C-alpha atoms as a PDB file:
ATOM      1  CA  UNK A   1     -23.280  29.870  15.060  1.00  0.00           C
ATOM      2  CA  UNK A   2     -25.759  27.076  16.893  1.00  0.00           C
ATOM      3  CA  UNK A   3     -26.522  26.416  12.624  1.00  0.00           C
ATOM      4  CA  UNK A   4     -22.898  25.363  12.769  1.00  0.00           C
ATOM      5  CA  UNK A   5     -23.186  23.352  16.091  1.00  0.00           C
ATOM      6  CA  UNK A   6     -26.408  21.698  14.674  1.00  0.00           C
ATOM      7  CA  UNK A   7     -24.638  20.701  12.024  1.00  0.00           C
ATOM      8  CA  UNK A   8     -21.767  19.210  13.854  1.00  0.00           C
ATOM      9  CA  UNK A   9     -23.853  16.837  16.226  1.00  0.00           C
ATOM     10  CA  UNK A  10     -25.658  15.842  13.088  1.00  0.00           C
ATOM     11  CA  UNK A  11     -22.528  14.781  11.141  1.00  0.00           C
ATOM     12  CA  UNK A  12     -21.007  12.801  14.785  1.00  0.00           C
ATOM     13  CA  UNK A  13     -24.568  10.912  14.415  1.00  0.00           C
ATOM     14  CA  UNK A  14     -24.073   9.887  10.968  1.00  0.00           C
ATOM     15  CA  UNK A  15     -20.605   8.991  11.731  1.00  0.00           C
ATOM     16  CA  UNK A  16     -21.353   6.668  14.776  1.00  0.00           C
ATOM     17  CA  UNK A  17     -24.526   5.208  12.538  1.00  0.00           C
ATOM     18  CA  UNK A  18     -21.748   4.486   9.638  1.00  0.00           C
ATOM     19  CA  UNK A  19     -19.644   3.092  12.060  1.00  0.00           C
ATOM     20  CA  UNK A  20     -21.458   0.350  13.064  1.00  0.00           C
ATOM     21  CA  UNK A  21     -22.028  -0.869  10.233  1.00  0.00           C
ATOM     22  CA  UNK A  22     -17.980  -1.323   9.494  1.00  0.00           C
ATOM     23  CA  UNK A  23     -16.894  -4.594   9.650  1.00  0.00           C
ATOM     24  CA  UNK A  24     -13.411  -5.647  10.744  1.00  0.00           C
ATOM     25  CA  UNK A  25     -11.519  -8.587   9.526  1.00  0.00           C
ATOM     26  CA  UNK A  26     -10.655 -11.283  11.465  1.00  0.00           C
ATOM     27  CA  UNK A  27      -7.004 -12.158  13.012  1.00  0.00           C
ATOM     28  CA  UNK A  28      -5.985 -15.116  10.514  1.00  0.00           C
ATOM     29  CA  UNK A  29      -7.376 -13.117   7.465  1.00  0.00           C
ATOM     30  CA  UNK A  30      -4.831 -10.238   8.637  1.00  0.00           C
ATOM     31  CA  UNK A  31      -1.875 -12.684   9.050  1.00  0.00           C
ATOM     32  CA  UNK A  32      -2.368 -14.280   5.775  1.00  0.00           C
ATOM     33  CA  UNK A  33      -3.390 -11.105   3.797  1.00  0.00           C
ATOM     34  CA  UNK A  34       0.404  -9.688   5.561  1.00  0.00           C
ATOM     35  CA  UNK A  35       2.299 -12.512   4.489  1.00  0.00           C
ATOM     36  CA  UNK A  36       1.162 -12.417   0.589  1.00  0.00           C
ATOM     37  CA  UNK A  37       1.774  -8.735   0.645  1.00  0.00           C
ATOM     38  CA  UNK A  38       5.429  -9.555   2.299  1.00  0.00           C
ATOM     39  CA  UNK A  39       6.121 -12.496   0.357  1.00  0.00           C
ATOM     40  CA  UNK A  40       4.843 -10.314  -2.909  1.00  0.00           C
ATOM     41  CA  UNK A  41       7.116  -7.281  -2.148  1.00  0.00           C
ATOM     42  CA  UNK A  42       9.978 -10.290  -1.452  1.00  0.00           C
ATOM     43  CA  UNK A  43       9.157 -11.474  -4.712  1.00  0.00           C
ATOM     44  CA  UNK A  44       9.036  -7.619  -6.845  1.00  0.00           C
ATOM     45  CA  UNK A  45      12.232  -6.519  -5.149  1.00  0.00           C
ATOM     46  CA  UNK A  46      14.269  -9.433  -6.292  1.00  0.00           C
ATOM     47  CA  UNK A  47      13.141  -8.296  -9.961  1.00  0.00           C
ATOM     48  CA  UNK A  48      13.517  -5.213  -9.656  1.00  0.00           C
ATOM     49  CA  UNK A  49      17.550  -6.143  -7.984  1.00  0.00           C
ATOM     50  CA  UNK A  50      17.682  -8.212 -11.007  1.00  0.00           C
ATOM     51  CA  UNK A  51      16.768  -6.031 -13.549  1.00  0.00           C
ATOM     52  CA  UNK A  52      18.563  -3.236 -12.348  1.00  0.00           C
ATOM     53  CA  UNK A  53      21.621  -5.505 -12.220  1.00  0.00           C
ATOM     54  CA  UNK A  54      21.126  -6.005 -16.259  1.00  0.00           C
ATOM     55  CA  UNK A  55      20.378  -2.442 -16.918  1.00  0.00           C
ATOM     56  CA  UNK A  56      23.771  -1.636 -15.175  1.00  0.00           C
ATOM     57  CA  UNK A  57      25.747  -4.186 -16.421  1.00  0.00           C
ATOM     58  CA  UNK A  58      24.037  -3.084 -20.392  1.00  0.00           C
ATOM     59  CA  UNK A  59      25.067   0.101 -20.336  1.00  0.00           C
ATOM     60  CA  UNK A  60      28.708  -0.495 -18.801  1.00  0.00           C
ATOM     61  CA  UNK A  61      28.786  -2.771 -21.923  1.00  0.00           C
ATOM     62  CA  UNK A  62      27.788  -0.092 -24.233  1.00  0.00           C
ATOM     63  CA  UNK A  63      30.517   2.533 -22.755  1.00  0.00           C
ATOM     64  CA  UNK A  64      33.125  -0.264 -22.526  1.00  0.00           C
ATOM     65  CA  UNK A  65      31.810  -0.489 -26.590  1.00  0.00           C
ATOM     66  CA  UNK A  66      32.119   3.019 -27.459  1.00  0.00           C
ATOM     67  CA  UNK A  67      35.158   4.238 -25.698  1.00  0.00           C
END
């Protein structure tokens, strides 16, 4: 029982030590990367929308020709 408590205490000490090494990005960096992600997502959404339209139109054309 005490061994587990000692291990847990050691774990918490190591976590605290590692947290001190972490560097968090500045607000400007977070904003700029968020904008990049949003713009990229929008571009991919448009691309996939267009690709889906083409696939549906192609499928409907093939069905019309074969029936």
